[in-house]
Amino acid sequence: LSVAMADPSDAALIDDLQFLTQFEIDAVGVGEHTLRQRIDRSYE
């Protein structure tokens, strides 16, 4: 599962994502401001 993250080096968060989704995580670095906007738009 490819996941956009503000900090792709956050191993603890990646671990939680793997446990939550039951997929291997491909962490993609994205700027925080851009990512916050994309999260809001995508879920809306």
PDB file of all heavy atoms in Angstrom:
ATOM      1  N   LEU A   1       0.858  -1.189   0.000  1.00  0.00           N
ATOM      2  CA  LEU A   1       0.000   0.000   0.000  1.00  0.00           C
ATOM      3  C   LEU A   1       0.890   1.232   0.000  1.00  0.00           C
ATOM      4  O   LEU A   1       1.721   1.420   0.898  1.00  0.00           O
ATOM      5  CB  LEU A   1      -0.898   0.012   1.234  1.00  0.00           C
ATOM      6  CG  LEU A   1      -1.822   1.223   1.382  1.00  0.00           C
ATOM      7  CD1 LEU A   1      -2.886   1.218   0.291  1.00  0.00           C
ATOM      8  CD2 LEU A   1      -2.468   1.234   2.768  1.00  0.00           C
ATOM      9  N   SER A   2       0.742   2.079  -1.018  1.00  0.00           N
ATOM     10  CA  SER A   2       1.484   3.342  -1.073  1.00  0.00           C
ATOM     11  C   SER A   2       0.748   4.370  -0.231  1.00  0.00           C
ATOM     12  O   SER A   2      -0.459   4.573  -0.396  1.00  0.00           O
ATOM     13  CB  SER A   2       1.596   3.833  -2.517  1.00  0.00           C
ATOM     14  OG  SER A   2       2.378   2.935  -3.288  1.00  0.00           O
ATOM     15  N   VAL A   3       1.493   5.005   0.672  1.00  0.00           N
ATOM     16  CA  VAL A   3       0.905   5.973   1.596  1.00  0.00           C
ATOM     17  C   VAL A   3       1.734   7.254   1.569  1.00  0.00           C
ATOM     18  O   VAL A   3       2.950   7.218   1.772  1.00  0.00           O
ATOM     19  CB  VAL A   3       0.858   5.420   3.038  1.00  0.00           C
ATOM     20  CG1 VAL A   3       0.268   6.454   3.990  1.00  0.00           C
ATOM     21  CG2 VAL A   3       0.041   4.136   3.087  1.00  0.00           C
ATOM     22  N   ALA A   4       1.068   8.395   1.325  1.00  0.00           N
ATOM     23  CA  ALA A   4       1.730   9.687   1.402  1.00  0.00           C
ATOM     24  C   ALA A   4       1.874  10.077   2.862  1.00  0.00           C
ATOM     25  O   ALA A   4       0.919   9.979   3.641  1.00  0.00           O
ATOM     26  CB  ALA A   4       0.932  10.735   0.644  1.00  0.00           C
ATOM     27  N   MET A   5       3.090  10.505   3.257  1.00  0.00           N
ATOM     28  CA  MET A   5       3.369  10.853   4.639  1.00  0.00           C
ATOM     29  C   MET A   5       4.180  12.132   4.692  1.00  0.00           C
ATOM     30  O   MET A   5       5.028  12.383   3.833  1.00  0.00           O
ATOM     31  CB  MET A   5       4.147   9.726   5.343  1.00  0.00           C
ATOM     32  CG  MET A   5       3.430   8.392   5.394  1.00  0.00           C
ATOM     33  SD  MET A   5       4.472   7.084   6.123  1.00  0.00           S
ATOM     34  CE  MET A   5       4.791   7.768   7.749  1.00  0.00           C
ATOM     35  N   ALA A   6       3.932  12.932   5.715  1.00  0.00           N
ATOM     36  CA  ALA A   6       4.745  14.135   5.909  1.00  0.00           C
ATOM     37  C   ALA A   6       6.164  13.759   6.319  1.00  0.00           C
ATOM     38  O   ALA A   6       7.121  14.453   5.987  1.00  0.00           O
ATOM     39  CB  ALA A   6       4.107  15.032   6.969  1.00  0.00           C
ATOM     40  N   ASP A   7       6.319  12.651   7.047  1.00  0.00           N
ATOM     41  CA  ASP A   7       7.641  12.191   7.486  1.00  0.00           C
ATOM     42  C   ASP A   7       7.773  10.711   7.146  1.00  0.00           C
ATOM     43  O   ASP A   7       7.428   9.835   7.947  1.00  0.00           O
ATOM     44  CB  ASP A   7       7.811  12.405   8.988  1.00  0.00           C
ATOM     45  CG  ASP A   7       9.186  11.960   9.487  1.00  0.00           C
ATOM     46  OD1 ASP A   7      10.041  11.621   8.644  1.00  0.00           O
ATOM     47  OD2 ASP A   7       9.395  11.946  10.718  1.00  0.00           O
ATOM     48  N   PRO A   8       8.267  10.374   5.960  1.00  0.00           N
ATOM     49  CA  PRO A   8       8.364   8.962   5.551  1.00  0.00           C
ATOM     50  C   PRO A   8       9.387   8.169   6.349  1.00  0.00           C
ATOM     51  O   PRO A   8       9.477   6.949   6.199  1.00  0.00           O
ATOM     52  CB  PRO A   8       8.768   9.051   4.078  1.00  0.00           C
ATOM     53  CG  PRO A   8       9.442  10.374   3.949  1.00  0.00           C
ATOM     54  CD  PRO A   8       8.750  11.290   4.912  1.00  0.00           C
ATOM     55  N   SER A   9      10.156   8.823   7.221  1.00  0.00           N
ATOM     56  CA  SER A   9      11.135   8.101   8.041  1.00  0.00           C
ATOM     57  C   SER A   9      10.579   7.730   9.411  1.00  0.00           C
ATOM     58  O   SER A   9      11.301   7.164  10.231  1.00  0.00           O
ATOM     59  CB  SER A   9      12.395   8.963   8.222  1.00  0.00           C
ATOM     60  OG  SER A   9      12.093  10.141   8.960  1.00  0.00           O
ATOM     61  N   ASP A  10       9.300   8.041   9.683  1.00  0.00           N
ATOM     62  CA  ASP A  10       8.674   7.752  10.982  1.00  0.00           C
ATOM     63  C   ASP A  10       8.352   6.255  11.058  1.00  0.00           C
ATOM     64  O   ASP A  10       7.271   5.807  10.648  1.00  0.00           O
ATOM     65  CB  ASP A  10       7.412   8.594  11.151  1.00  0.00           C
ATOM     66  CG  ASP A  10       6.833   8.505  12.560  1.00  0.00           C
ATOM     67  OD1 ASP A  10       7.153   7.525  13.260  1.00  0.00           O
ATOM     68  OD2 ASP A  10       6.053   9.390  12.942  1.00  0.00           O
ATOM     69  N   ALA A  11       9.301   5.467  11.569  1.00  0.00           N
ATOM     70  CA  ALA A  11       9.142   4.015  11.595  1.00  0.00           C
ATOM     71  C   ALA A  11       7.979   3.569  12.474  1.00  0.00           C
ATOM     72  O   ALA A  11       7.281   2.602  12.161  1.00  0.00           O
ATOM     73  CB  ALA A  11      10.445   3.359  12.070  1.00  0.00           C
ATOM     74  N   ALA A  12       7.751   4.282  13.590  1.00  0.00           N
ATOM     75  CA  ALA A  12       6.658   3.897  14.482  1.00  0.00           C
ATOM     76  C   ALA A  12       5.311   4.064  13.797  1.00  0.00           C
ATOM     77  O   ALA A  12       4.417   3.212  13.914  1.00  0.00           O
ATOM     78  CB  ALA A  12       6.712   4.724  15.769  1.00  0.00           C
ATOM     79  N   LEU A  13       5.142   5.162  13.066  1.00  0.00           N
ATOM     80  CA  LEU A  13       3.891   5.390  12.354  1.00  0.00           C
ATOM     81  C   LEU A  13       3.714   4.381  11.231  1.00  0.00           C
ATOM     82  O   LEU A  13       2.605   3.866  11.003  1.00  0.00           O
ATOM     83  CB  LEU A  13       3.857   6.822  11.807  1.00  0.00           C
ATOM     84  CG  LEU A  13       2.598   7.212  11.029  1.00  0.00           C
ATOM     85  CD1 LEU A  13       1.346   6.981  11.854  1.00  0.00           C
ATOM     86  CD2 LEU A  13       2.697   8.674  10.584  1.00  0.00           C
ATOM     87  N   ILE A  14       4.797   4.061  10.535  1.00  0.00           N
ATOM     88  CA  ILE A  14       4.723   3.047   9.480  1.00  0.00           C
ATOM     89  C   ILE A  14       4.310   1.707  10.071  1.00  0.00           C
ATOM     90  O   ILE A  14       3.503   0.965   9.500  1.00  0.00           O
ATOM     91  CB  ILE A  14       6.078   2.944   8.747  1.00  0.00           C
ATOM     92  CG1 ILE A  14       6.334   4.216   7.934  1.00  0.00           C
ATOM     93  CG2 ILE A  14       6.116   1.709   7.840  1.00  0.00           C
ATOM     94  CD1 ILE A  14       7.719   4.278   7.315  1.00  0.00           C
ATOM     95  N   ASP A  15       4.856   1.399  11.249  1.00  0.00           N
ATOM     96  CA  ASP A  15       4.500   0.158  11.925  1.00  0.00           C
ATOM     97  C   ASP A  15       3.009   0.131  12.261  1.00  0.00           C
ATOM     98  O   ASP A  15       2.321  -0.879  12.071  1.00  0.00           O
ATOM     99  CB  ASP A  15       5.344   0.027  13.190  1.00  0.00           C
ATOM    100  CG  ASP A  15       5.347  -1.384  13.746  1.00  0.00           C
ATOM    101  OD1 ASP A  15       5.087  -2.322  12.980  1.00  0.00           O
ATOM    102  OD2 ASP A  15       5.611  -1.540  14.955  1.00  0.00           O
ATOM    103  N   ASP A  16       2.489   1.245  12.770  1.00  0.00           N
ATOM    104  CA  ASP A  16       1.064   1.319  13.083  1.00  0.00           C
ATOM    105  C   ASP A  16       0.214   1.187  11.825  1.00  0.00           C
ATOM    106  O   ASP A  16      -0.845   0.543  11.836  1.00  0.00           O
ATOM    107  CB  ASP A  16       0.740   2.641  13.783  1.00  0.00           C
ATOM    108  CG  ASP A  16       1.205   2.654  15.233  1.00  0.00           C
ATOM    109  OD1 ASP A  16       1.482   1.564  15.770  1.00  0.00           O
ATOM    110  OD2 ASP A  16       1.292   3.748  15.821  1.00  0.00           O
ATOM    111  N   LEU A  17       0.662   1.798  10.729  1.00  0.00           N
ATOM    112  CA  LEU A  17      -0.085   1.700   9.482  1.00  0.00           C
ATOM    113  C   LEU A  17      -0.118   0.260   8.971  1.00  0.00           C
ATOM    114  O   LEU A  17      -1.134  -0.213   8.466  1.00  0.00           O
ATOM    115  CB  LEU A  17       0.541   2.612   8.422  1.00  0.00           C
ATOM    116  CG  LEU A  17       0.289   4.115   8.585  1.00  0.00           C
ATOM    117  CD1 LEU A  17       1.186   4.909   7.645  1.00  0.00           C
ATOM    118  CD2 LEU A  17      -1.180   4.433   8.322  1.00  0.00           C
ATOM    119  N   GLN A  18       1.010  -0.440   9.110  1.00  0.00           N
ATOM    120  CA  GLN A  18       1.030  -1.836   8.669  1.00  0.00           C
ATOM    121  C   GLN A  18       0.072  -2.687   9.499  1.00  0.00           C
ATOM    122  O   GLN A  18      -0.665  -3.513   8.961  1.00  0.00           O
ATOM    123  CB  GLN A  18       2.439  -2.407   8.771  1.00  0.00           C
ATOM    124  CG  GLN A  18       2.490  -3.904   8.399  1.00  0.00           C
ATOM    125  CD  GLN A  18       3.902  -4.422   8.329  1.00  0.00           C
ATOM    126  OE1 GLN A  18       4.686  -3.953   7.511  1.00  0.00           O
ATOM    127  NE2 GLN A  18       4.227  -5.365   9.183  1.00  0.00           N
ATOM    128  N   PHE A  19       0.069  -2.446  10.814  1.00  0.00           N
ATOM    129  CA  PHE A  19      -0.831  -3.198  11.675  1.00  0.00           C
ATOM    130  C   PHE A  19      -2.294  -2.877  11.356  1.00  0.00           C
ATOM    131  O   PHE A  19      -3.153  -3.746  11.336  1.00  0.00           O
ATOM    132  CB  PHE A  19      -0.532  -2.876  13.136  1.00  0.00           C
ATOM    133  CG  PHE A  19      -1.289  -3.724  14.113  1.00  0.00           C
ATOM    134  CD1 PHE A  19      -0.808  -4.956  14.498  1.00  0.00           C
ATOM    135  CD2 PHE A  19      -2.486  -3.283  14.645  1.00  0.00           C
ATOM    136  CE1 PHE A  19      -1.513  -5.747  15.399  1.00  0.00           C
ATOM    137  CE2 PHE A  19      -3.195  -4.050  15.536  1.00  0.00           C
ATOM    138  CZ  PHE A  19      -2.705  -5.292  15.913  1.00  0.00           C
ATOM    139  N   LEU A  20      -2.558  -1.602  11.108  1.00  0.00           N
ATOM    140  CA  LEU A  20      -3.931  -1.170  10.819  1.00  0.00           C
ATOM    141  C   LEU A  20      -4.434  -1.726   9.492  1.00  0.00           C
ATOM    142  O   LEU A  20      -5.563  -2.221   9.394  1.00  0.00           O
ATOM    143  CB  LEU A  20      -3.982   0.364  10.800  1.00  0.00           C
ATOM    144  CG  LEU A  20      -5.264   1.027  10.273  1.00  0.00           C
ATOM    145  CD1 LEU A  20      -6.441   0.672  11.175  1.00  0.00           C
ATOM    146  CD2 LEU A  20      -5.096   2.531  10.191  1.00  0.00           C
ATOM    147  N   THR A  21      -3.608  -1.656   8.452  1.00  0.00           N
ATOM    148  CA  THR A  21      -4.066  -2.019   7.118  1.00  0.00           C
ATOM    149  C   THR A  21      -3.774  -3.461   6.735  1.00  0.00           C
ATOM    150  O   THR A  21      -4.378  -3.986   5.792  1.00  0.00           O
ATOM    151  CB  THR A  21      -3.395  -1.110   6.077  1.00  0.00           C
ATOM    152  OG1 THR A  21      -1.971  -1.342   6.085  1.00  0.00           O
ATOM    153  CG2 THR A  21      -3.679   0.357   6.373  1.00  0.00           C
ATOM    154  N   GLN A  22      -2.798  -4.089   7.436  1.00  0.00           N
ATOM    155  CA  GLN A  22      -2.341  -5.438   7.105  1.00  0.00           C
ATOM    156  C   GLN A  22      -1.700  -5.500   5.714  1.00  0.00           C
ATOM    157  O   GLN A  22      -1.765  -6.515   5.027  1.00  0.00           O
ATOM    158  CB  GLN A  22      -3.488  -6.442   7.205  1.00  0.00           C
ATOM    159  CG  GLN A  22      -4.034  -6.610   8.618  1.00  0.00           C
ATOM    160  CD  GLN A  22      -2.988  -7.201   9.567  1.00  0.00           C
ATOM    161  OE1 GLN A  22      -2.365  -8.218   9.270  1.00  0.00           O
ATOM    162  NE2 GLN A  22      -2.795  -6.548  10.700  1.00  0.00           N
ATOM    163  N   PHE A  23      -1.102  -4.388   5.282  1.00  0.00           N
ATOM    164  CA  PHE A  23      -0.327  -4.344   4.040  1.00  0.00           C
ATOM    165  C   PHE A  23       1.092  -3.889   4.365  1.00  0.00           C
ATOM    166  O   PHE A  23       1.336  -3.224   5.375  1.00  0.00           O
ATOM    167  CB  PHE A  23      -0.934  -3.335   3.051  1.00  0.00           C
ATOM    168  CG  PHE A  23      -2.196  -3.806   2.389  1.00  0.00           C
ATOM    169  CD1 PHE A  23      -3.436  -3.469   2.910  1.00  0.00           C
ATOM    170  CD2 PHE A  23      -2.151  -4.571   1.233  1.00  0.00           C
ATOM    171  CE1 PHE A  23      -4.602  -3.886   2.297  1.00  0.00           C
ATOM    172  CE2 PHE A  23      -3.314  -4.987   0.610  1.00  0.00           C
ATOM    173  CZ  PHE A  23      -4.544  -4.651   1.145  1.00  0.00           C
ATOM    174  N   GLU A  24       2.026  -4.228   3.475  1.00  0.00           N
ATOM    175  CA  GLU A  24       3.336  -3.604   3.536  1.00  0.00           C
ATOM    176  C   GLU A  24       3.184  -2.155   3.087  1.00  0.00           C
ATOM    177  O   GLU A  24       2.382  -1.848   2.205  1.00  0.00           O
ATOM    178  CB  GLU A  24       4.336  -4.342   2.648  1.00  0.00           C
ATOM    179  CG  GLU A  24       4.649  -5.751   3.149  1.00  0.00           C
ATOM    180  CD  GLU A  24       5.691  -6.438   2.293  1.00  0.00           C
ATOM    181  OE1 GLU A  24       6.077  -5.864   1.259  1.00  0.00           O
ATOM    182  OE2 GLU A  24       6.111  -7.558   2.665  1.00  0.00           O
ATOM    183  N   ILE A  25       3.954  -1.264   3.694  1.00  0.00           N
ATOM    184  CA  ILE A  25       3.777   0.163   3.473  1.00  0.00           C
ATOM    185  C   ILE A  25       4.909   0.725   2.616  1.00  0.00           C
ATOM    186  O   ILE A  25       6.095   0.558   2.934  1.00  0.00           O
ATOM    187  CB  ILE A  25       3.705   0.924   4.810  1.00  0.00           C
ATOM    188  CG1 ILE A  25       2.555   0.392   5.665  1.00  0.00           C
ATOM    189  CG2 ILE A  25       3.549   2.421   4.571  1.00  0.00           C
ATOM    190  CD1 ILE A  25       1.189   0.495   5.025  1.00  0.00           C
ATOM    191  N   ASP A  26       4.541   1.388   1.524  1.00  0.00           N
ATOM    192  CA  ASP A  26       5.477   2.138   0.696  1.00  0.00           C
ATOM    193  C   ASP A  26       5.269   3.612   1.035  1.00  0.00           C
ATOM    194  O   ASP A  26       4.280   4.226   0.617  1.00  0.00           O
ATOM    195  CB  ASP A  26       5.203   1.881  -0.783  1.00  0.00           C
ATOM    196  CG  ASP A  26       6.063   2.749  -1.685  1.00  0.00           C
ATOM    197  OD1 ASP A  26       7.174   3.113  -1.267  1.00  0.00           O
ATOM    198  OD2 ASP A  26       5.604   3.089  -2.798  1.00  0.00           O
ATOM    199  N   ALA A  27       6.164   4.183   1.853  1.00  0.00           N
ATOM    200  CA  ALA A  27       5.999   5.543   2.343  1.00  0.00           C
ATOM    201  C   ALA A  27       6.491   6.549   1.309  1.00  0.00           C
ATOM    202  O   ALA A  27       7.633   6.491   0.852  1.00  0.00           O
ATOM    203  CB  ALA A  27       6.757   5.726   3.653  1.00  0.00           C
ATOM    204  N   VAL A  28       5.633   7.499   0.935  1.00  0.00           N
ATOM    205  CA  VAL A  28       5.943   8.520  -0.063  1.00  0.00           C
ATOM    206  C   VAL A  28       5.983   9.872   0.636  1.00  0.00           C
ATOM    207  O   VAL A  28       4.996  10.275   1.264  1.00  0.00           O
ATOM    208  CB  VAL A  28       4.883   8.535  -1.182  1.00  0.00           C
ATOM    209  CG1 VAL A  28       5.211   9.615  -2.209  1.00  0.00           C
ATOM    210  CG2 VAL A  28       4.790   7.162  -1.836  1.00  0.00           C
ATOM    211  N   GLY A  29       7.101  10.580   0.562  1.00  0.00           N
ATOM    212  CA  GLY A  29       7.222  11.877   1.209  1.00  0.00           C
ATOM    213  C   GLY A  29       6.477  12.971   0.475  1.00  0.00           C
ATOM    214  O   GLY A  29       6.636  13.133  -0.742  1.00  0.00           O
ATOM    215  N   VAL A  30       5.650  13.722   1.203  1.00  0.00           N
ATOM    216  CA  VAL A  30       4.882  14.839   0.637  1.00  0.00           C
ATOM    217  C   VAL A  30       4.931  15.995   1.628  1.00  0.00           C
ATOM    218  O   VAL A  30       4.866  15.768   2.847  1.00  0.00           O
ATOM    219  CB  VAL A  30       3.413  14.429   0.360  1.00  0.00           C
ATOM    220  CG1 VAL A  30       2.613  15.627  -0.172  1.00  0.00           C
ATOM    221  CG2 VAL A  30       3.354  13.275  -0.634  1.00  0.00           C
ATOM    222  N   GLY A  31       5.016  17.222   1.131  1.00  0.00           N
ATOM    223  CA  GLY A  31       5.033  18.385   2.002  1.00  0.00           C
ATOM    224  C   GLY A  31       3.795  18.450   2.888  1.00  0.00           C
ATOM    225  O   GLY A  31       2.685  18.098   2.454  1.00  0.00           O
ATOM    226  N   GLU A  32       3.990  18.920   4.145  1.00  0.00           N
ATOM    227  CA  GLU A  32       2.903  18.896   5.124  1.00  0.00           C
ATOM    228  C   GLU A  32       1.688  19.717   4.673  1.00  0.00           C
ATOM    229  O   GLU A  32       0.561  19.278   4.784  1.00  0.00           O
ATOM    230  CB  GLU A  32       3.406  19.412   6.470  1.00  0.00           C
ATOM    231  CG  GLU A  32       2.344  19.413   7.562  1.00  0.00           C
ATOM    232  CD  GLU A  32       2.901  19.829   8.905  1.00  0.00           C
ATOM    233  OE1 GLU A  32       4.107  19.645   9.114  1.00  0.00           O
ATOM    234  OE2 GLU A  32       2.131  20.328   9.730  1.00  0.00           O
ATOM    235  N   HIS A  33       1.937  20.920   4.168  1.00  0.00           N
ATOM    236  CA  HIS A  33       0.818  21.772   3.748  1.00  0.00           C
ATOM    237  C   HIS A  33       0.030  21.126   2.605  1.00  0.00           C
ATOM    238  O   HIS A  33      -1.205  21.055   2.636  1.00  0.00           O
ATOM    239  CB  HIS A  33       1.343  23.143   3.326  1.00  0.00           C
ATOM    240  CG  HIS A  33       0.269  24.072   2.839  1.00  0.00           C
ATOM    241  ND1 HIS A  33      -0.671  24.630   3.675  1.00  0.00           N
ATOM    242  CD2 HIS A  33      -0.021  24.508   1.578  1.00  0.00           C
ATOM    243  CE1 HIS A  33      -1.496  25.390   2.973  1.00  0.00           C
ATOM    244  NE2 HIS A  33      -1.115  25.336   1.698  1.00  0.00           N
ATOM    245  N   THR A  34       0.753  20.644   1.604  1.00  0.00           N
ATOM    246  CA  THR A  34       0.095  19.991   0.469  1.00  0.00           C
ATOM    247  C   THR A  34      -0.661  18.751   0.922  1.00  0.00           C
ATOM    248  O   THR A  34      -1.800  18.508   0.501  1.00  0.00           O
ATOM    249  CB  THR A  34       1.138  19.605  -0.594  1.00  0.00           C
ATOM    250  OG1 THR A  34       1.798  20.789  -1.052  1.00  0.00           O
ATOM    251  CG2 THR A  34       0.482  18.902  -1.776  1.00  0.00           C
ATOM    252  N   LEU A  35      -0.030  17.977   1.799  1.00  0.00           N
ATOM    253  CA  LEU A  35      -0.644  16.732   2.240  1.00  0.00           C
ATOM    254  C   LEU A  35      -1.926  17.008   3.027  1.00  0.00           C
ATOM    255  O   LEU A  35      -2.939  16.321   2.847  1.00  0.00           O
ATOM    256  CB  LEU A  35       0.343  15.945   3.096  1.00  0.00           C
ATOM    257  CG  LEU A  35      -0.132  14.584   3.622  1.00  0.00           C
ATOM    258  CD1 LEU A  35      -0.586  13.686   2.474  1.00  0.00           C
ATOM    259  CD2 LEU A  35       0.981  13.908   4.413  1.00  0.00           C
ATOM    260  N   ARG A  36      -1.903  18.007   3.880  1.00  0.00           N
ATOM    261  CA  ARG A  36      -3.098  18.320   4.668  1.00  0.00           C
ATOM    262  C   ARG A  36      -4.268  18.687   3.743  1.00  0.00           C
ATOM    263  O   ARG A  36      -5.410  18.270   3.953  1.00  0.00           O
ATOM    264  CB  ARG A  36      -2.795  19.462   5.632  1.00  0.00           C
ATOM    265  CG  ARG A  36      -3.823  19.607   6.748  1.00  0.00           C
ATOM    266  CD  ARG A  36      -3.443  20.754   7.678  1.00  0.00           C
ATOM    267  NE  ARG A  36      -2.175  20.531   8.348  1.00  0.00           N
ATOM    268  CZ  ARG A  36      -2.024  19.794   9.441  1.00  0.00           C
ATOM    269  NH1 ARG A  36      -3.078  19.201   9.975  1.00  0.00           N
ATOM    270  NH2 ARG A  36      -0.842  19.650   9.996  1.00  0.00           N
ATOM    271  N   GLN A  37      -3.978  19.472   2.708  1.00  0.00           N
ATOM    272  CA  GLN A  37      -5.028  19.829   1.754  1.00  0.00           C
ATOM    273  C   GLN A  37      -5.540  18.602   1.015  1.00  0.00           C
ATOM    274  O   GLN A  37      -6.750  18.449   0.799  1.00  0.00           O
ATOM    275  CB  GLN A  37      -4.496  20.865   0.760  1.00  0.00           C
ATOM    276  CG  GLN A  37      -4.234  22.240   1.362  1.00  0.00           C
ATOM    277  CD  GLN A  37      -3.752  23.224   0.320  1.00  0.00           C
ATOM    278  OE1 GLN A  37      -3.026  22.861  -0.611  1.00  0.00           O
ATOM    279  NE2 GLN A  37      -4.162  24.479   0.453  1.00  0.00           N
ATOM    280  N   ARG A  38      -4.625  17.725   0.607  1.00  0.00           N
ATOM    281  CA  ARG A  38      -5.017  16.532  -0.145  1.00  0.00           C
ATOM    282  C   ARG A  38      -5.863  15.593   0.716  1.00  0.00           C
ATOM    283  O   ARG A  38      -6.812  14.973   0.228  1.00  0.00           O
ATOM    284  CB  ARG A  38      -3.769  15.798  -0.649  1.00  0.00           C
ATOM    285  CG  ARG A  38      -2.988  16.549  -1.710  1.00  0.00           C
ATOM    286  CD  ARG A  38      -3.751  16.630  -3.015  1.00  0.00           C
ATOM    287  NE  ARG A  38      -4.011  15.289  -3.547  1.00  0.00           N
ATOM    288  CZ  ARG A  38      -4.821  15.038  -4.567  1.00  0.00           C
ATOM    289  NH1 ARG A  38      -5.483  16.038  -5.135  1.00  0.00           N
ATOM    290  NH2 ARG A  38      -4.989  13.809  -5.004  1.00  0.00           N
ATOM    291  N   ILE A  39      -5.530  15.468   1.999  1.00  0.00           N
ATOM    292  CA  ILE A  39      -6.316  14.609   2.888  1.00  0.00           C
ATOM    293  C   ILE A  39      -7.748  15.125   2.980  1.00  0.00           C
ATOM    294  O   ILE A  39      -8.712  14.371   2.824  1.00  0.00           O
ATOM    295  CB  ILE A  39      -5.661  14.546   4.285  1.00  0.00           C
ATOM    296  CG1 ILE A  39      -4.354  13.757   4.230  1.00  0.00           C
ATOM    297  CG2 ILE A  39      -6.616  13.918   5.300  1.00  0.00           C
ATOM    298  CD1 ILE A  39      -3.533  13.832   5.506  1.00  0.00           C
ATOM    299  N   ASP A  40      -7.890  16.434   3.204  1.00  0.00           N
ATOM    300  CA  ASP A  40      -9.230  17.011   3.318  1.00  0.00           C
ATOM    301  C   ASP A  40     -10.033  16.815   2.050  1.00  0.00           C
ATOM    302  O   ASP A  40     -11.194  16.387   2.079  1.00  0.00           O
ATOM    303  CB  ASP A  40      -9.131  18.501   3.653  1.00  0.00           C
ATOM    304  CG  ASP A  40      -8.561  18.752   5.041  1.00  0.00           C
ATOM    305  OD1 ASP A  40      -8.588  17.816   5.873  1.00  0.00           O
ATOM    306  OD2 ASP A  40      -8.079  19.875   5.282  1.00  0.00           O
ATOM    307  N   ARG A  41      -9.391  17.107   0.897  1.00  0.00           N
ATOM    308  CA  ARG A  41     -10.125  16.994  -0.369  1.00  0.00           C
ATOM    309  C   ARG A  41     -10.475  15.552  -0.701  1.00  0.00           C
ATOM    310  O   ARG A  41     -11.565  15.262  -1.182  1.00  0.00           O
ATOM    311  CB  ARG A  41      -9.300  17.622  -1.500  1.00  0.00           C
ATOM    312  CG  ARG A  41      -9.340  19.138  -1.521  1.00  0.00           C
ATOM    313  CD  ARG A  41      -8.972  19.679  -2.896  1.00  0.00           C
ATOM    314  NE  ARG A  41      -7.594  19.361  -3.238  1.00  0.00           N
ATOM    315  CZ  ARG A  41      -6.572  20.187  -3.033  1.00  0.00           C
ATOM    316  NH1 ARG A  41      -6.775  21.366  -2.472  1.00  0.00           N
ATOM    317  NH2 ARG A  41      -5.356  19.847  -3.394  1.00  0.00           N
ATOM    318  N   SER A  42      -9.542  14.643  -0.453  1.00  0.00           N
ATOM    319  CA  SER A  42      -9.771  13.240  -0.825  1.00  0.00           C
ATOM    320  C   SER A  42     -10.914  12.634  -0.033  1.00  0.00           C
ATOM    321  O   SER A  42     -11.807  11.983  -0.595  1.00  0.00           O
ATOM    322  CB  SER A  42      -8.490  12.422  -0.609  1.00  0.00           C
ATOM    323  OG  SER A  42      -7.457  12.867  -1.457  1.00  0.00           O
ATOM    324  N   TYR A  43     -10.927  12.826   1.285  1.00  0.00           N
ATOM    325  CA  TYR A  43     -11.984  12.216   2.087  1.00  0.00           C
ATOM    326  C   TYR A  43     -13.317  12.918   1.869  1.00  0.00           C
ATOM    327  O   TYR A  43     -14.379  12.286   1.892  1.00  0.00           O
ATOM    328  CB  TYR A  43     -11.600  12.221   3.564  1.00  0.00           C
ATOM    329  CG  TYR A  43     -10.636  11.116   3.913  1.00  0.00           C
ATOM    330  CD1 TYR A  43      -9.273  11.347   3.942  1.00  0.00           C
ATOM    331  CD2 TYR A  43     -11.087   9.837   4.191  1.00  0.00           C
ATOM    332  CE1 TYR A  43      -8.367  10.340   4.245  1.00  0.00           C
ATOM    333  CE2 TYR A  43     -10.203   8.816   4.497  1.00  0.00           C
ATOM    334  CZ  TYR A  43      -8.843   9.067   4.526  1.00  0.00           C
ATOM    335  OH  TYR A  43      -7.973   8.053   4.824  1.00  0.00           O
ATOM    336  N   GLU A  44     -13.296  14.240   1.638  1.00  0.00           N
ATOM    337  CA  GLU A  44     -14.540  14.928   1.330  1.00  0.00           C
ATOM    338  C   GLU A  44     -15.121  14.438   0.009  1.00  0.00           C
ATOM    339  O   GLU A  44     -16.332  14.234  -0.125  1.00  0.00           O
ATOM    340  CB  GLU A  44     -14.302  16.437   1.255  1.00  0.00           C
ATOM    341  CG  GLU A  44     -14.109  17.093   2.613  1.00  0.00           C
ATOM    342  CD  GLU A  44     -13.761  18.563   2.480  1.00  0.00           C
ATOM    343  OE1 GLU A  44     -13.799  19.067   1.329  1.00  0.00           O
ATOM    344  OE2 GLU A  44     -13.455  19.193   3.504  1.00  0.00           O
TER     345      GLU A  44
END
